[in-house]
Amino acid sequence: MSTEASRLKLRADALHNRNRIVEVARDLFAERGLDVPMAAIARHAGVGVATLYRRFPTKESLVTEVFADQFATCVSVVDDALADPDPWRGFCTVIEKVCTLQAADQGFSTAFVATFPHAADIERERDRAIQGFTELIRRAKQIGRLRPDFVPDDLILLLMANRGIVTSSANSAVAASRRLVALLLHSLRADNAESLPPPVHLNLLDVLHHPAE
């Protein structure tokens, strides 16, 4: 085999390993969350730990690669909702789609609320999505469709409730999430605005807490 052919084969092998690592990590994060050890990812991908760390020097770098599409989807969903002439429909669409992402992938919640100091694009996209959703809240209230006492922290409550869905498969989790979100959105309509207890200040990280912790 010529030197050039050997070089091309090495490049192809490296690309295959990288893609395999990302594919396996995506599946394991979706199934188990982000606590999966890097060594387990390497083992399932059929590569050595050293190979994994050559491609992804830190777990943060692997997580940002795995969830890049989901982050982009979240931003796109919010942007589309802001462009919708019906702010209430846009508000509902964001809740529905984000909760579906969360129900289908256990790692997504953790990735969304995690801090990525070396991934400025991810941080910027997340902040833009949150700001856009806050604007949707304002618009939906302004037209009298969203109950006036809804606050941005209530989104965290919705995500906490949605994360509590535990089923035997991703499909049933998504179906249960859709049912839950439909019930919750019905209660958020302005015409159902009976008095509520005062809002609770929450942090995005609260989405990840379990009752036993």
N, C-alpha and C. Protein backbone atom coordinates (compact mmCIF):
# COMPACT_ATOMS: atom_id res chain seq x y z
N MET A 1 0.85 -1.19 0.00
CA MET A 1 0.00 0.00 0.00
C MET A 1 0.89 1.25 0.00
N SER A 2 0.59 2.22 -0.87
CA SER A 2 1.39 3.43 -0.96
C SER A 2 1.23 4.29 0.28
N THR A 3 2.18 5.23 0.45
CA THR A 3 2.11 6.14 1.60
C THR A 3 0.82 6.94 1.57
N GLU A 4 0.43 7.43 0.40
CA GLU A 4 -0.79 8.23 0.28
C GLU A 4 -2.02 7.39 0.60
N ALA A 5 -2.03 6.15 0.12
CA ALA A 5 -3.17 5.26 0.40
C ALA A 5 -3.25 4.97 1.90
N SER A 6 -2.10 4.78 2.53
CA SER A 6 -2.09 4.53 3.97
C SER A 6 -2.63 5.74 4.73
N ARG A 7 -2.24 6.94 4.26
CA ARG A 7 -2.70 8.16 4.92
C ARG A 7 -4.22 8.30 4.78
N LEU A 8 -4.73 8.00 3.61
CA LEU A 8 -6.17 8.10 3.39
C LEU A 8 -6.93 7.09 4.25
N LYS A 9 -6.34 5.88 4.39
CA LYS A 9 -6.99 4.85 5.21
C LYS A 9 -7.03 5.29 6.68
N LEU A 10 -5.92 5.88 7.13
CA LEU A 10 -5.89 6.38 8.51
C LEU A 10 -6.94 7.45 8.74
N ARG A 11 -7.10 8.34 7.77
CA ARG A 11 -8.11 9.39 7.89
C ARG A 11 -9.51 8.77 7.94
N ALA A 12 -9.74 7.79 7.07
CA ALA A 12 -11.05 7.13 7.04
C ALA A 12 -11.32 6.40 8.35
N ASP A 13 -10.29 5.73 8.88
CA ASP A 13 -10.45 5.03 10.15
C ASP A 13 -10.74 6.01 11.28
N ALA A 14 -10.02 7.14 11.28
CA ALA A 14 -10.21 8.14 12.32
C ALA A 14 -11.63 8.71 12.26
N LEU A 15 -12.11 8.97 11.03
CA LEU A 15 -13.47 9.51 10.89
C LEU A 15 -14.50 8.49 11.35
N HIS A 16 -14.26 7.22 10.99
CA HIS A 16 -15.18 6.16 11.41
C HIS A 16 -15.23 6.07 12.93
N ASN A 17 -14.06 6.11 13.57
CA ASN A 17 -14.02 6.03 15.03
C ASN A 17 -14.74 7.21 15.66
N ARG A 18 -14.50 8.40 15.13
CA ARG A 18 -15.15 9.59 15.68
C ARG A 18 -16.66 9.48 15.56
N ASN A 19 -17.14 9.11 14.38
CA ASN A 19 -18.59 8.99 14.18
C ASN A 19 -19.19 7.91 15.07
N ARG A 20 -18.45 6.82 15.23
CA ARG A 20 -18.93 5.72 16.06
C ARG A 20 -19.02 6.16 17.52
N ILE A 21 -18.03 6.90 17.99
CA ILE A 21 -18.04 7.40 19.37
C ILE A 21 -19.25 8.31 19.60
N VAL A 22 -19.49 9.23 18.68
CA VAL A 22 -20.63 10.16 18.82
C VAL A 22 -21.95 9.41 18.80
N GLU A 23 -22.07 8.44 17.91
CA GLU A 23 -23.29 7.64 17.80
C GLU A 23 -23.58 6.88 19.09
N VAL A 24 -22.54 6.21 19.62
CA VAL A 24 -22.70 5.43 20.85
C VAL A 24 -22.99 6.35 22.03
N ALA A 25 -22.27 7.46 22.13
CA ALA A 25 -22.49 8.40 23.22
C ALA A 25 -23.91 8.94 23.19
N ARG A 26 -24.41 9.24 22.00
CA ARG A 26 -25.78 9.75 21.88
C ARG A 26 -26.79 8.73 22.43
N ASP A 27 -26.61 7.47 22.06
CA ASP A 27 -27.52 6.42 22.53
C ASP A 27 -27.43 6.24 24.05
N LEU A 28 -26.20 6.22 24.56
CA LEU A 28 -26.03 6.00 26.01
C LEU A 28 -26.52 7.19 26.82
N PHE A 29 -26.26 8.40 26.36
CA PHE A 29 -26.75 9.58 27.07
C PHE A 29 -28.28 9.60 27.08
N ALA A 30 -28.89 9.22 25.95
CA ALA A 30 -30.35 9.21 25.88
C ALA A 30 -30.94 8.19 26.83
N GLU A 31 -30.25 7.06 26.98
CA GLU A 31 -30.76 5.97 27.81
C GLU A 31 -30.47 6.18 29.30
N ARG A 32 -29.28 6.69 29.61
CA ARG A 32 -28.83 6.73 31.00
C ARG A 32 -28.55 8.13 31.55
N GLY A 33 -28.56 9.15 30.70
CA GLY A 33 -28.15 10.47 31.15
C GLY A 33 -26.65 10.66 30.94
N LEU A 34 -26.13 11.81 31.42
CA LEU A 34 -24.75 12.17 31.14
C LEU A 34 -23.73 11.56 32.10
N ASP A 35 -24.18 10.76 33.06
CA ASP A 35 -23.25 10.19 34.02
C ASP A 35 -22.50 8.96 33.48
N VAL A 36 -22.77 8.59 32.26
CA VAL A 36 -22.08 7.43 31.68
C VAL A 36 -20.58 7.71 31.63
N PRO A 37 -19.73 6.82 32.18
CA PRO A 37 -18.29 7.05 32.15
C PRO A 37 -17.74 7.03 30.72
N MET A 38 -16.70 7.81 30.50
CA MET A 38 -16.07 7.84 29.18
C MET A 38 -15.55 6.46 28.80
N ALA A 39 -15.06 5.70 29.79
CA ALA A 39 -14.55 4.35 29.51
C ALA A 39 -15.66 3.45 28.97
N ALA A 40 -16.88 3.61 29.50
CA ALA A 40 -18.00 2.80 29.03
C ALA A 40 -18.36 3.18 27.60
N ILE A 41 -18.28 4.46 27.28
CA ILE A 41 -18.55 4.90 25.92
C ILE A 41 -17.53 4.29 24.96
N ALA A 42 -16.26 4.34 25.36
CA ALA A 42 -15.20 3.76 24.52
C ALA A 42 -15.44 2.28 24.30
N ARG A 43 -15.79 1.58 25.37
CA ARG A 43 -16.01 0.13 25.27
C ARG A 43 -17.16 -0.19 24.32
N HIS A 44 -18.28 0.52 24.46
CA HIS A 44 -19.43 0.26 23.58
C HIS A 44 -19.13 0.66 22.13
N ALA A 45 -18.25 1.64 21.96
CA ALA A 45 -17.92 2.08 20.60
C ALA A 45 -16.87 1.19 19.95
N GLY A 46 -16.26 0.31 20.75
CA GLY A 46 -15.25 -0.59 20.22
C GLY A 46 -13.91 0.10 19.95
N VAL A 47 -13.62 1.13 20.74
CA VAL A 47 -12.33 1.82 20.59
C VAL A 47 -11.66 1.89 21.95
N GLY A 48 -10.38 2.18 21.95
CA GLY A 48 -9.66 2.34 23.20
C GLY A 48 -9.96 3.68 23.84
N VAL A 49 -9.77 3.75 25.14
CA VAL A 49 -10.00 5.01 25.85
C VAL A 49 -9.09 6.11 25.31
N ALA A 50 -7.86 5.74 24.98
CA ALA A 50 -6.92 6.73 24.44
C ALA A 50 -7.43 7.30 23.13
N THR A 51 -8.03 6.44 22.30
CA THR A 51 -8.59 6.90 21.02
C THR A 51 -9.73 7.88 21.27
N LEU A 52 -10.59 7.56 22.23
CA LEU A 52 -11.71 8.45 22.56
C LEU A 52 -11.19 9.82 22.98
N TYR A 53 -10.19 9.82 23.86
CA TYR A 53 -9.69 11.10 24.37
C TYR A 53 -8.90 11.87 23.30
N ARG A 54 -8.36 11.18 22.30
CA ARG A 54 -7.73 11.91 21.19
C ARG A 54 -8.77 12.66 20.39
N ARG A 55 -9.93 12.06 20.22
CA ARG A 55 -11.01 12.71 19.46
C ARG A 55 -11.73 13.76 20.30
N PHE A 56 -11.94 13.42 21.59
CA PHE A 56 -12.68 14.31 22.49
C PHE A 56 -11.91 14.41 23.81
N PRO A 57 -11.07 15.43 23.96
CA PRO A 57 -10.19 15.53 25.14
C PRO A 57 -10.93 15.64 26.47
N THR A 58 -12.17 16.13 26.45
CA THR A 58 -12.95 16.26 27.68
C THR A 58 -14.37 15.75 27.43
N LYS A 59 -15.05 15.42 28.50
CA LYS A 59 -16.45 14.99 28.36
C LYS A 59 -17.30 16.13 27.83
N GLU A 60 -16.96 17.35 28.24
CA GLU A 60 -17.69 18.52 27.75
C GLU A 60 -17.66 18.59 26.23
N SER A 61 -16.48 18.33 25.65
CA SER A 61 -16.36 18.40 24.19
C SER A 61 -17.22 17.34 23.51
N LEU A 62 -17.33 16.16 24.14
CA LEU A 62 -18.17 15.10 23.58
C LEU A 62 -19.65 15.45 23.72
N VAL A 63 -20.03 15.95 24.89
CA VAL A 63 -21.43 16.31 25.12
C VAL A 63 -21.88 17.40 24.16
N THR A 64 -21.06 18.42 23.97
CA THR A 64 -21.45 19.51 23.07
C THR A 64 -21.59 19.02 21.63
N GLU A 65 -20.74 18.06 21.24
CA GLU A 65 -20.86 17.49 19.90
C GLU A 65 -22.14 16.68 19.77
N VAL A 66 -22.42 15.84 20.77
CA VAL A 66 -23.59 14.96 20.72
C VAL A 66 -24.89 15.76 20.68
N PHE A 67 -24.96 16.86 21.45
CA PHE A 67 -26.22 17.60 21.58
C PHE A 67 -26.27 18.86 20.73
N ALA A 68 -25.32 19.03 19.82
CA ALA A 68 -25.31 20.23 18.99
C ALA A 68 -26.62 20.37 18.22
N ASP A 69 -27.13 19.27 17.67
CA ASP A 69 -28.37 19.34 16.89
C ASP A 69 -29.56 19.72 17.77
N GLN A 70 -29.61 19.17 18.99
CA GLN A 70 -30.73 19.49 19.88
C GLN A 70 -30.71 20.96 20.30
N PHE A 71 -29.51 21.49 20.57
CA PHE A 71 -29.41 22.90 20.91
C PHE A 71 -29.89 23.75 19.74
N ALA A 72 -29.46 23.41 18.54
CA ALA A 72 -29.87 24.15 17.35
C ALA A 72 -31.37 24.04 17.15
N THR A 73 -31.93 22.86 17.42
CA THR A 73 -33.37 22.67 17.29
C THR A 73 -34.14 23.56 18.25
N CYS A 74 -33.67 23.65 19.50
CA CYS A 74 -34.34 24.49 20.50
C CYS A 74 -34.37 25.94 20.05
N VAL A 75 -33.23 26.43 19.57
CA VAL A 75 -33.17 27.82 19.11
C VAL A 75 -34.09 28.02 17.92
N SER A 76 -34.09 27.06 17.01
CA SER A 76 -34.94 27.15 15.82
C SER A 76 -36.43 27.14 16.20
N VAL A 77 -36.79 26.30 17.17
CA VAL A 77 -38.18 26.23 17.63
C VAL A 77 -38.63 27.57 18.20
N VAL A 78 -37.78 28.19 19.01
CA VAL A 78 -38.12 29.48 19.61
C VAL A 78 -38.19 30.56 18.53
N ASP A 79 -37.23 30.55 17.60
CA ASP A 79 -37.25 31.55 16.52
C ASP A 79 -38.52 31.43 15.69
N ASP A 80 -38.91 30.19 15.36
CA ASP A 80 -40.14 29.98 14.58
C ASP A 80 -41.36 30.45 15.37
N ALA A 81 -41.36 30.19 16.67
CA ALA A 81 -42.49 30.60 17.50
C ALA A 81 -42.60 32.12 17.57
N LEU A 82 -41.46 32.80 17.64
CA LEU A 82 -41.47 34.27 17.67
C LEU A 82 -41.99 34.84 16.35
N ALA A 83 -41.76 34.10 15.26
CA ALA A 83 -42.24 34.55 13.95
C ALA A 83 -43.71 34.24 13.71
N ASP A 84 -44.29 33.40 14.56
CA ASP A 84 -45.71 33.04 14.42
C ASP A 84 -46.57 34.25 14.78
N PRO A 85 -47.53 34.60 13.93
CA PRO A 85 -48.40 35.75 14.25
C PRO A 85 -49.29 35.51 15.46
N ASP A 86 -49.44 34.26 15.88
CA ASP A 86 -50.25 33.93 17.05
C ASP A 86 -49.31 33.58 18.21
N PRO A 87 -49.06 34.52 19.14
CA PRO A 87 -48.11 34.27 20.22
C PRO A 87 -48.49 33.08 21.11
N TRP A 88 -49.78 32.86 21.32
CA TRP A 88 -50.19 31.73 22.15
C TRP A 88 -49.84 30.41 21.47
N ARG A 89 -50.09 30.33 20.18
CA ARG A 89 -49.73 29.11 19.45
C ARG A 89 -48.21 28.91 19.48
N GLY A 90 -47.47 29.99 19.32
CA GLY A 90 -46.02 29.89 19.39
C GLY A 90 -45.55 29.42 20.76
N PHE A 91 -46.14 29.97 21.82
CA PHE A 91 -45.82 29.58 23.18
C PHE A 91 -46.07 28.08 23.39
N CYS A 92 -47.24 27.61 22.97
CA CYS A 92 -47.59 26.20 23.13
C CYS A 92 -46.65 25.29 22.33
N THR A 93 -46.29 25.72 21.14
CA THR A 93 -45.40 24.93 20.30
C THR A 93 -44.04 24.73 20.95
N VAL A 94 -43.51 25.79 21.56
CA VAL A 94 -42.22 25.67 22.24
C VAL A 94 -42.31 24.66 23.39
N ILE A 95 -43.35 24.78 24.21
CA ILE A 95 -43.51 23.86 25.34
C ILE A 95 -43.60 22.42 24.83
N GLU A 96 -44.43 22.21 23.82
CA GLU A 96 -44.64 20.86 23.30
C GLU A 96 -43.35 20.26 22.75
N LYS A 97 -42.63 21.01 21.95
CA LYS A 97 -41.44 20.45 21.29
C LYS A 97 -40.28 20.25 22.25
N VAL A 98 -40.08 21.18 23.16
CA VAL A 98 -38.98 21.03 24.12
C VAL A 98 -39.26 19.85 25.05
N CYS A 99 -40.49 19.71 25.48
CA CYS A 99 -40.83 18.58 26.35
C CYS A 99 -40.71 17.25 25.63
N THR A 100 -41.01 17.23 24.34
CA THR A 100 -40.84 16.00 23.56
C THR A 100 -39.37 15.64 23.46
N LEU A 101 -38.51 16.64 23.20
CA LEU A 101 -37.07 16.38 23.19
C LEU A 101 -36.60 15.81 24.52
N GLN A 102 -37.09 16.40 25.59
CA GLN A 102 -36.68 15.97 26.93
C GLN A 102 -37.13 14.55 27.21
N ALA A 103 -38.38 14.22 26.85
CA ALA A 103 -38.91 12.88 27.12
C ALA A 103 -38.20 11.81 26.31
N ALA A 104 -37.77 12.16 25.10
CA ALA A 104 -37.13 11.18 24.23
C ALA A 104 -35.67 10.93 24.57
N ASP A 105 -35.06 11.86 25.32
CA ASP A 105 -33.62 11.78 25.55
C ASP A 105 -33.30 12.22 26.96
N GLN A 106 -32.93 11.28 27.83
CA GLN A 106 -32.66 11.60 29.23
C GLN A 106 -31.47 12.54 29.40
N GLY A 107 -30.55 12.49 28.47
CA GLY A 107 -29.38 13.34 28.59
C GLY A 107 -29.62 14.77 28.21
N PHE A 108 -30.72 15.04 27.49
CA PHE A 108 -30.93 16.39 26.98
C PHE A 108 -31.11 17.41 28.09
N SER A 109 -31.88 17.06 29.13
CA SER A 109 -32.10 18.00 30.23
C SER A 109 -30.78 18.42 30.85
N THR A 110 -29.92 17.44 31.10
CA THR A 110 -28.63 17.73 31.72
C THR A 110 -27.79 18.61 30.80
N ALA A 111 -27.77 18.27 29.53
CA ALA A 111 -26.97 19.05 28.59
C ALA A 111 -27.48 20.49 28.49
N PHE A 112 -28.81 20.64 28.51
CA PHE A 112 -29.39 21.97 28.33
C PHE A 112 -29.05 22.90 29.49
N VAL A 113 -29.03 22.36 30.71
CA VAL A 113 -28.80 23.22 31.87
C VAL A 113 -27.33 23.27 32.29
N ALA A 114 -26.50 22.40 31.70
CA ALA A 114 -25.09 22.38 32.09
C ALA A 114 -24.38 23.65 31.64
N THR A 115 -23.27 23.94 32.30
CA THR A 115 -22.43 25.07 31.92
C THR A 115 -21.29 24.58 31.05
N PHE A 116 -21.11 25.24 29.91
CA PHE A 116 -20.05 24.86 28.98
C PHE A 116 -19.12 26.06 28.77
N PRO A 117 -18.19 26.28 29.70
CA PRO A 117 -17.33 27.47 29.63
C PRO A 117 -16.47 27.54 28.38
N HIS A 118 -16.20 26.39 27.76
CA HIS A 118 -15.35 26.38 26.57
C HIS A 118 -16.17 26.24 25.28
N ALA A 119 -17.46 26.39 25.38
CA ALA A 119 -18.33 26.28 24.20
C ALA A 119 -19.23 27.52 24.15
N ALA A 120 -18.64 28.62 23.72
CA ALA A 120 -19.35 29.89 23.72
C ALA A 120 -20.59 29.85 22.85
N ASP A 121 -20.53 29.13 21.73
CA ASP A 121 -21.69 29.07 20.83
C ASP A 121 -22.88 28.42 21.52
N ILE A 122 -22.63 27.34 22.26
CA ILE A 122 -23.71 26.66 22.98
C ILE A 122 -24.31 27.58 24.03
N GLU A 123 -23.47 28.24 24.81
CA GLU A 123 -23.96 29.16 25.85
C GLU A 123 -24.79 30.27 25.22
N ARG A 124 -24.30 30.81 24.12
CA ARG A 124 -25.01 31.91 23.45
C ARG A 124 -26.35 31.45 22.91
N GLU A 125 -26.39 30.26 22.32
CA GLU A 125 -27.65 29.75 21.77
C GLU A 125 -28.68 29.50 22.87
N ARG A 126 -28.21 28.93 23.98
CA ARG A 126 -29.14 28.66 25.08
C ARG A 126 -29.71 29.96 25.64
N ASP A 127 -28.84 30.96 25.84
CA ASP A 127 -29.31 32.25 26.35
C ASP A 127 -30.31 32.89 25.40
N ARG A 128 -30.05 32.75 24.10
CA ARG A 128 -30.98 33.34 23.12
C ARG A 128 -32.33 32.63 23.15
N ALA A 129 -32.30 31.31 23.33
CA ALA A 129 -33.56 30.56 23.41
C ALA A 129 -34.37 30.98 24.63
N ILE A 130 -33.70 31.16 25.77
CA ILE A 130 -34.39 31.56 27.00
C ILE A 130 -34.97 32.96 26.87
N GLN A 131 -34.19 33.87 26.30
CA GLN A 131 -34.67 35.23 26.11
C GLN A 131 -35.86 35.26 25.15
N GLY A 132 -35.78 34.44 24.10
CA GLY A 132 -36.88 34.39 23.14
C GLY A 132 -38.14 33.85 23.78
N PHE A 133 -38.00 32.84 24.64
CA PHE A 133 -39.18 32.29 25.31
C PHE A 133 -39.79 33.32 26.26
N THR A 134 -38.94 34.09 26.93
CA THR A 134 -39.45 35.14 27.82
C THR A 134 -40.26 36.17 27.03
N GLU A 135 -39.81 36.48 25.83
CA GLU A 135 -40.56 37.40 24.97
C GLU A 135 -41.89 36.78 24.55
N LEU A 136 -41.90 35.48 24.28
CA LEU A 136 -43.15 34.79 23.93
C LEU A 136 -44.16 34.89 25.08
N ILE A 137 -43.68 34.73 26.30
CA ILE A 137 -44.55 34.86 27.47
C ILE A 137 -45.20 36.25 27.48
N ARG A 138 -44.38 37.26 27.27
CA ARG A 138 -44.91 38.64 27.29
C ARG A 138 -45.98 38.83 26.22
N ARG A 139 -45.72 38.34 25.02
CA ARG A 139 -46.67 38.52 23.92
C ARG A 139 -47.97 37.75 24.16
N ALA A 140 -47.84 36.52 24.65
CA ALA A 140 -49.04 35.70 24.88
C ALA A 140 -49.92 36.31 25.97
N LYS A 141 -49.29 36.94 26.95
CA LYS A 141 -50.07 37.65 27.98
C LYS A 141 -50.72 38.89 27.39
N GLN A 142 -49.98 39.57 26.55
CA GLN A 142 -50.46 40.84 25.98
C GLN A 142 -51.74 40.65 25.18
N ILE A 143 -51.87 39.50 24.51
CA ILE A 143 -53.10 39.26 23.73
C ILE A 143 -54.18 38.58 24.58
N GLY A 144 -53.91 38.36 25.86
CA GLY A 144 -54.92 37.81 26.75
C GLY A 144 -55.14 36.32 26.66
N ARG A 145 -54.16 35.56 26.14
CA ARG A 145 -54.34 34.12 26.02
C ARG A 145 -53.63 33.34 27.14
N LEU A 146 -52.51 33.85 27.63
CA LEU A 146 -51.76 33.19 28.68
C LEU A 146 -52.13 33.82 30.02
N ARG A 147 -52.34 32.98 31.02
CA ARG A 147 -52.72 33.48 32.33
C ARG A 147 -51.69 34.50 32.81
N PRO A 148 -52.13 35.60 33.40
CA PRO A 148 -51.22 36.70 33.74
C PRO A 148 -50.21 36.39 34.83
N ASP A 149 -50.45 35.35 35.63
CA ASP A 149 -49.52 35.06 36.71
C ASP A 149 -48.46 34.02 36.33
N PHE A 150 -48.40 33.64 35.06
CA PHE A 150 -47.34 32.74 34.61
C PHE A 150 -46.02 33.51 34.58
N VAL A 151 -44.97 32.92 35.12
CA VAL A 151 -43.64 33.55 35.14
C VAL A 151 -42.64 32.63 34.46
N PRO A 152 -41.50 33.16 33.99
CA PRO A 152 -40.52 32.30 33.30
C PRO A 152 -40.07 31.11 34.14
N ASP A 153 -39.97 31.26 35.46
CA ASP A 153 -39.57 30.12 36.29
C ASP A 153 -40.57 28.97 36.22
N ASP A 154 -41.81 29.25 35.80
CA ASP A 154 -42.80 28.17 35.68
C ASP A 154 -42.42 27.19 34.58
N LEU A 155 -41.63 27.63 33.61
CA LEU A 155 -41.14 26.70 32.59
C LEU A 155 -40.32 25.60 33.25
N ILE A 156 -39.52 25.98 34.26
CA ILE A 156 -38.71 24.99 34.96
C ILE A 156 -39.61 23.97 35.67
N LEU A 157 -40.71 24.46 36.26
CA LEU A 157 -41.67 23.53 36.88
C LEU A 157 -42.20 22.54 35.85
N LEU A 158 -42.53 23.03 34.66
CA LEU A 158 -43.05 22.14 33.61
C LEU A 158 -42.00 21.09 33.23
N LEU A 159 -40.75 21.53 33.10
CA LEU A 159 -39.69 20.59 32.73
C LEU A 159 -39.43 19.58 33.84
N MET A 160 -39.54 20.02 35.10
CA MET A 160 -39.37 19.11 36.23
C MET A 160 -40.47 18.04 36.21
N ALA A 161 -41.71 18.48 35.96
CA ALA A 161 -42.82 17.53 35.91
C ALA A 161 -42.64 16.56 34.74
N ASN A 162 -42.23 17.08 33.60
CA ASN A 162 -42.06 16.25 32.42
C ASN A 162 -40.93 15.25 32.59
N ARG A 163 -39.88 15.66 33.29
CA ARG A 163 -38.74 14.77 33.51
C ARG A 163 -39.10 13.60 34.43
N GLY A 164 -40.17 13.76 35.21
CA GLY A 164 -40.58 12.71 36.12
C GLY A 164 -41.24 11.52 35.44
N ILE A 165 -41.50 11.65 34.14
CA ILE A 165 -42.13 10.54 33.41
C ILE A 165 -41.13 9.40 33.25
N VAL A 166 -41.46 8.25 33.78
CA VAL A 166 -40.60 7.06 33.67
C VAL A 166 -41.43 5.94 33.05
N THR A 167 -41.04 5.49 31.87
CA THR A 167 -41.77 4.43 31.18
C THR A 167 -40.79 3.39 30.66
N SER A 168 -41.34 2.35 30.06
CA SER A 168 -40.51 1.24 29.59
C SER A 168 -39.84 1.51 28.25
N SER A 169 -40.25 2.57 27.55
CA SER A 169 -39.65 2.85 26.24
C SER A 169 -39.73 4.34 25.95
N ALA A 170 -38.87 4.77 25.01
CA ALA A 170 -38.86 6.18 24.62
C ALA A 170 -40.19 6.57 23.97
N ASN A 171 -40.78 5.66 23.19
CA ASN A 171 -42.04 5.97 22.53
C ASN A 171 -43.16 6.23 23.53
N SER A 172 -43.25 5.40 24.55
CA SER A 172 -44.31 5.60 25.54
C SER A 172 -44.02 6.83 26.38
N ALA A 173 -42.75 7.14 26.61
CA ALA A 173 -42.40 8.37 27.35
C ALA A 173 -42.84 9.59 26.58
N VAL A 174 -42.61 9.59 25.28
CA VAL A 174 -43.03 10.73 24.45
C VAL A 174 -44.54 10.85 24.43
N ALA A 175 -45.25 9.73 24.31
CA ALA A 175 -46.71 9.76 24.31
C ALA A 175 -47.24 10.30 25.64
N ALA A 176 -46.67 9.84 26.75
CA ALA A 176 -47.09 10.32 28.06
C ALA A 176 -46.78 11.80 28.22
N SER A 177 -45.63 12.22 27.70
CA SER A 177 -45.25 13.64 27.76
C SER A 177 -46.26 14.51 27.01
N ARG A 178 -46.68 14.06 25.85
CA ARG A 178 -47.65 14.84 25.07
C ARG A 178 -48.96 15.00 25.83
N ARG A 179 -49.39 13.93 26.48
CA ARG A 179 -50.62 13.99 27.28
C ARG A 179 -50.46 14.96 28.44
N LEU A 180 -49.34 14.85 29.15
CA LEU A 180 -49.08 15.74 30.28
C LEU A 180 -49.03 17.19 29.83
N VAL A 181 -48.32 17.47 28.75
CA VAL A 181 -48.18 18.84 28.27
C VAL A 181 -49.53 19.41 27.84
N ALA A 182 -50.36 18.59 27.20
CA ALA A 182 -51.69 19.06 26.81
C ALA A 182 -52.51 19.47 28.03
N LEU A 183 -52.44 18.66 29.08
CA LEU A 183 -53.16 18.99 30.32
C LEU A 183 -52.62 20.28 30.94
N LEU A 184 -51.29 20.41 30.95
CA LEU A 184 -50.68 21.59 31.55
C LEU A 184 -51.00 22.85 30.75
N LEU A 185 -50.94 22.76 29.43
CA LEU A 185 -51.23 23.93 28.61
C LEU A 185 -52.67 24.39 28.77
N HIS A 186 -53.57 23.43 28.93
CA HIS A 186 -54.97 23.80 29.18
C HIS A 186 -55.09 24.63 30.45
N SER A 187 -54.32 24.28 31.48
CA SER A 187 -54.39 25.02 32.74
C SER A 187 -53.74 26.38 32.65
N LEU A 188 -52.93 26.61 31.61
CA LEU A 188 -52.22 27.88 31.48
C LEU A 188 -53.00 28.92 30.68
N ARG A 189 -54.13 28.53 30.14
CA ARG A 189 -54.94 29.49 29.40
C ARG A 189 -55.50 30.56 30.33
N ALA A 190 -55.60 31.75 29.81
CA ALA A 190 -56.06 32.87 30.63
C ALA A 190 -57.47 32.66 31.15
N ASP A 191 -58.30 31.92 30.39
CA ASP A 191 -59.68 31.72 30.86
C ASP A 191 -59.78 30.69 31.98
N ASN A 192 -58.62 30.10 32.36
CA ASN A 192 -58.58 29.21 33.52
C ASN A 192 -57.80 29.83 34.68
N ALA A 193 -57.70 31.14 34.66
CA ALA A 193 -56.81 31.83 35.59
C ALA A 193 -57.40 32.01 36.97
N GLU A 194 -57.68 30.91 37.65
CA GLU A 194 -58.02 31.00 39.06
C GLU A 194 -56.73 31.25 39.84
N SER A 195 -56.86 31.75 41.05
CA SER A 195 -55.69 32.15 41.82
C SER A 195 -54.78 30.94 42.10
N LEU A 196 -53.49 31.20 42.08
CA LEU A 196 -52.48 30.18 42.32
C LEU A 196 -51.64 30.58 43.53
N PRO A 197 -50.95 29.63 44.13
CA PRO A 197 -49.95 30.00 45.14
C PRO A 197 -48.88 30.88 44.48
N PRO A 198 -48.14 31.64 45.27
CA PRO A 198 -47.13 32.53 44.68
C PRO A 198 -46.06 31.74 43.93
N PRO A 199 -45.44 32.35 42.92
CA PRO A 199 -44.40 31.65 42.16
C PRO A 199 -43.20 31.33 43.03
N VAL A 200 -42.48 30.31 42.61
CA VAL A 200 -41.27 29.87 43.31
C VAL A 200 -40.07 30.16 42.42
N HIS A 201 -39.06 30.79 42.99
CA HIS A 201 -37.85 31.07 42.20
C HIS A 201 -37.05 29.78 42.07
N LEU A 202 -36.81 29.37 40.85
CA LEU A 202 -36.09 28.12 40.58
C LEU A 202 -34.91 28.40 39.67
N ASN A 203 -33.96 27.47 39.69
CA ASN A 203 -32.80 27.52 38.83
C ASN A 203 -32.93 26.40 37.81
N LEU A 204 -32.38 26.60 36.63
CA LEU A 204 -32.43 25.53 35.62
C LEU A 204 -31.87 24.21 36.15
N LEU A 205 -30.89 24.29 37.02
CA LEU A 205 -30.31 23.05 37.56
C LEU A 205 -31.31 22.26 38.39
N ASP A 206 -32.37 22.93 38.88
CA ASP A 206 -33.39 22.21 39.66
C ASP A 206 -34.11 21.16 38.83
N VAL A 207 -34.05 21.31 37.51
CA VAL A 207 -34.67 20.32 36.63
C VAL A 207 -34.05 18.94 36.85
N LEU A 208 -32.78 18.92 37.26
CA LEU A 208 -32.06 17.66 37.36
C LEU A 208 -32.20 16.97 38.70
N HIS A 209 -32.79 17.64 39.68
CA HIS A 209 -32.85 17.08 41.02
C HIS A 209 -33.91 15.99 41.12
N HIS A 210 -33.60 14.96 41.87
CA HIS A 210 -34.55 13.89 42.14
C HIS A 210 -35.01 14.00 43.58
N PRO A 211 -36.24 13.58 43.89
CA PRO A 211 -36.74 13.68 45.26
C PRO A 211 -35.83 13.04 46.30
N ALA A 212 -35.14 11.97 45.92
CA ALA A 212 -34.32 11.24 46.89
C ALA A 212 -32.99 11.92 47.15
N GLU A 213 -32.63 12.91 46.34
CA GLU A 213 -31.32 13.52 46.48
C GLU A 213 -31.35 14.60 47.55
